Amino acid sequence: MRARRLEDRIRELCAHVAMADAPELSPLLVKLQSALREHTERLRAKTLERLVSGEFQERRRSPPLQG
């Protein structure tokens, strides 16, 4: 479950950033930005894989409620 660990790391970094003093902030933000980029790349790859395989289907929307 590597993705879960990345999400946990992002949550942990966010918590550290929220409590950090100014001198600690910059290196934490660099780590958080890196983790978010990695997460974004994984999502892009997963989405592309699903699109190519035909697994990704358009979701149907419910008709608007009549009021």
N, C-alpha and C. Protein backbone atom coordinates (compact mmCIF):
# COMPACT_ATOMS: atom_id res chain seq x y z
N MET A 1 0.82 -1.20 0.00
CA MET A 1 0.00 0.00 0.00
C MET A 1 0.86 1.25 0.00
N ARG A 2 1.64 1.41 -1.01
CA ARG A 2 2.55 2.54 -1.08
C ARG A 2 1.79 3.87 -1.16
N ALA A 3 0.68 3.94 -1.87
CA ALA A 3 -0.09 5.17 -1.98
C ALA A 3 -0.60 5.62 -0.62
N ARG A 4 -1.03 4.68 0.19
CA ARG A 4 -1.52 5.03 1.52
C ARG A 4 -0.40 5.67 2.34
N ARG A 5 0.79 5.13 2.23
CA ARG A 5 1.92 5.70 2.97
C ARG A 5 2.22 7.12 2.50
N LEU A 6 2.11 7.37 1.21
CA LEU A 6 2.34 8.72 0.70
C LEU A 6 1.28 9.67 1.24
N GLU A 7 0.04 9.26 1.25
CA GLU A 7 -1.02 10.11 1.80
C GLU A 7 -0.80 10.38 3.28
N ASP A 8 -0.35 9.36 4.01
CA ASP A 8 -0.04 9.55 5.43
C ASP A 8 1.11 10.54 5.61
N ARG A 9 2.12 10.43 4.74
CA ARG A 9 3.26 11.34 4.82
C ARG A 9 2.81 12.77 4.54
N ILE A 10 1.91 12.96 3.57
CA ILE A 10 1.39 14.29 3.25
C ILE A 10 0.62 14.85 4.44
N ARG A 11 -0.22 14.04 5.06
CA ARG A 11 -0.96 14.50 6.24
C ARG A 11 -0.01 14.90 7.37
N GLU A 12 1.00 14.08 7.58
CA GLU A 12 1.97 14.35 8.64
C GLU A 12 2.73 15.65 8.36
N LEU A 13 3.15 15.83 7.11
CA LEU A 13 3.85 17.06 6.75
C LEU A 13 2.95 18.29 6.92
N CYS A 14 1.70 18.17 6.56
CA CYS A 14 0.75 19.28 6.74
C CYS A 14 0.63 19.64 8.22
N ALA A 15 0.55 18.65 9.07
CA ALA A 15 0.46 18.90 10.51
C ALA A 15 1.72 19.58 11.02
N HIS A 16 2.88 19.14 10.54
CA HIS A 16 4.14 19.77 10.95
C HIS A 16 4.23 21.22 10.47
N VAL A 17 3.78 21.46 9.24
CA VAL A 17 3.79 22.82 8.70
C VAL A 17 2.90 23.73 9.54
N ALA A 18 1.74 23.23 9.92
CA ALA A 18 0.80 24.03 10.70
C ALA A 18 1.37 24.43 12.06
N MET A 19 2.26 23.61 12.62
CA MET A 19 2.81 23.89 13.94
C MET A 19 4.23 24.46 13.90
N ALA A 20 4.80 24.61 12.71
CA ALA A 20 6.22 24.97 12.58
C ALA A 20 6.46 26.45 12.84
N ASP A 21 7.64 26.74 13.40
CA ASP A 21 8.13 28.11 13.52
C ASP A 21 8.77 28.49 12.19
N ALA A 22 9.00 29.77 12.00
CA ALA A 22 9.54 30.29 10.74
C ALA A 22 10.81 29.57 10.28
N PRO A 23 11.80 29.33 11.13
CA PRO A 23 13.02 28.68 10.63
C PRO A 23 12.81 27.25 10.13
N GLU A 24 11.81 26.56 10.66
CA GLU A 24 11.54 25.17 10.26
C GLU A 24 10.66 25.07 9.02
N LEU A 25 10.00 26.17 8.70
CA LEU A 25 8.95 26.15 7.69
C LEU A 25 9.46 25.84 6.28
N SER A 26 10.51 26.48 5.85
CA SER A 26 10.98 26.32 4.48
C SER A 26 11.32 24.87 4.12
N PRO A 27 12.13 24.16 4.93
CA PRO A 27 12.43 22.77 4.55
C PRO A 27 11.19 21.87 4.58
N LEU A 28 10.27 22.14 5.49
CA LEU A 28 9.03 21.35 5.54
C LEU A 28 8.19 21.58 4.29
N LEU A 29 8.12 22.82 3.85
CA LEU A 29 7.34 23.12 2.65
C LEU A 29 7.96 22.49 1.41
N VAL A 30 9.27 22.41 1.35
CA VAL A 30 9.94 21.75 0.23
C VAL A 30 9.56 20.26 0.21
N LYS A 31 9.59 19.63 1.38
CA LYS A 31 9.22 18.21 1.47
C LYS A 31 7.75 18.00 1.11
N LEU A 32 6.88 18.89 1.59
CA LEU A 32 5.46 18.78 1.29
C LEU A 32 5.21 18.95 -0.20
N GLN A 33 5.85 19.94 -0.80
CA GLN A 33 5.68 20.17 -2.23
C GLN A 33 6.13 18.95 -3.04
N SER A 34 7.22 18.34 -2.64
CA SER A 34 7.72 17.14 -3.32
C SER A 34 6.73 15.98 -3.20
N ALA A 35 6.20 15.79 -2.00
CA ALA A 35 5.23 14.72 -1.79
C ALA A 35 3.96 14.95 -2.60
N LEU A 36 3.52 16.21 -2.68
CA LEU A 36 2.32 16.52 -3.46
C LEU A 36 2.56 16.31 -4.95
N ARG A 37 3.76 16.63 -5.43
CA ARG A 37 4.08 16.37 -6.84
C ARG A 37 4.05 14.87 -7.13
N GLU A 38 4.64 14.10 -6.21
CA GLU A 38 4.64 12.64 -6.39
C GLU A 38 3.22 12.10 -6.43
N HIS A 39 2.37 12.61 -5.55
CA HIS A 39 0.98 12.17 -5.50
C HIS A 39 0.26 12.52 -6.81
N THR A 40 0.49 13.73 -7.30
CA THR A 40 -0.12 14.17 -8.56
C THR A 40 0.32 13.29 -9.72
N GLU A 41 1.60 12.98 -9.77
CA GLU A 41 2.10 12.13 -10.85
C GLU A 41 1.49 10.73 -10.78
N ARG A 42 1.34 10.20 -9.59
CA ARG A 42 0.70 8.88 -9.45
C ARG A 42 -0.74 8.91 -9.92
N LEU A 43 -1.46 9.98 -9.57
CA LEU A 43 -2.86 10.09 -10.01
C LEU A 43 -2.95 10.21 -11.53
N ARG A 44 -2.04 10.98 -12.12
CA ARG A 44 -2.03 11.12 -13.59
C ARG A 44 -1.77 9.77 -14.25
N ALA A 45 -0.80 9.05 -13.74
CA ALA A 45 -0.46 7.75 -14.33
C ALA A 45 -1.62 6.77 -14.19
N LYS A 46 -2.25 6.77 -13.03
CA LYS A 46 -3.38 5.87 -12.79
C LYS A 46 -4.55 6.22 -13.71
N THR A 47 -4.82 7.51 -13.86
CA THR A 47 -5.91 7.95 -14.73
C THR A 47 -5.63 7.58 -16.18
N LEU A 48 -4.41 7.81 -16.64
CA LEU A 48 -4.05 7.45 -18.01
C LEU A 48 -4.19 5.95 -18.24
N GLU A 49 -3.73 5.17 -17.28
CA GLU A 49 -3.84 3.72 -17.38
C GLU A 49 -5.30 3.30 -17.50
N ARG A 50 -6.16 3.91 -16.71
CA ARG A 50 -7.58 3.56 -16.76
C ARG A 50 -8.23 4.01 -18.07
N LEU A 51 -7.82 5.17 -18.57
CA LEU A 51 -8.37 5.65 -19.85
C LEU A 51 -7.96 4.73 -21.00
N VAL A 52 -6.70 4.33 -21.02
CA VAL A 52 -6.19 3.48 -22.09
C VAL A 52 -6.83 2.10 -22.05
N SER A 53 -7.06 1.59 -20.85
CA SER A 53 -7.63 0.25 -20.72
C SER A 53 -9.14 0.22 -20.95
N GLY A 54 -9.76 1.40 -21.01
CA GLY A 54 -11.20 1.46 -21.19
C GLY A 54 -11.98 1.28 -19.91
N GLU A 55 -11.28 1.22 -18.80
CA GLU A 55 -11.93 1.03 -17.51
C GLU A 55 -12.65 2.30 -17.06
N PHE A 56 -12.16 3.42 -17.51
CA PHE A 56 -12.70 4.71 -17.07
C PHE A 56 -13.95 5.01 -17.89
N GLN A 57 -15.08 5.06 -17.25
CA GLN A 57 -16.33 5.33 -17.95
C GLN A 57 -16.91 6.63 -17.42
N GLU A 58 -17.58 7.33 -18.32
CA GLU A 58 -18.20 8.59 -17.92
C GLU A 58 -19.29 8.33 -16.89
N ARG A 59 -19.26 9.12 -15.85
CA ARG A 59 -20.29 8.97 -14.81
C ARG A 59 -21.58 9.62 -15.28
N ARG A 60 -22.65 8.96 -14.94
CA ARG A 60 -23.96 9.53 -15.30
C ARG A 60 -24.38 10.45 -14.17
N ARG A 61 -24.99 11.52 -14.57
CA ARG A 61 -25.49 12.48 -13.58
C ARG A 61 -26.98 12.29 -13.40
N SER A 62 -27.39 12.49 -12.18
CA SER A 62 -28.83 12.42 -11.88
C SER A 62 -29.50 13.65 -12.45
N PRO A 63 -30.75 13.50 -12.90
CA PRO A 63 -31.46 14.67 -13.40
C PRO A 63 -31.69 15.67 -12.25
N PRO A 64 -31.77 16.94 -12.54
CA PRO A 64 -32.01 17.92 -11.47
C PRO A 64 -33.34 17.68 -10.78
N LEU A 65 -33.36 17.97 -9.50
CA LEU A 65 -34.59 17.80 -8.72
C LEU A 65 -35.62 18.83 -9.12
N GLN A 66 -36.84 18.39 -9.27
CA GLN A 66 -37.94 19.31 -9.59
C GLN A 66 -38.49 19.85 -8.29
N GLY A 67 -38.59 21.14 -8.18
CA GLY A 67 -39.02 21.72 -6.90
C GLY A 67 -40.21 22.47 -7.04
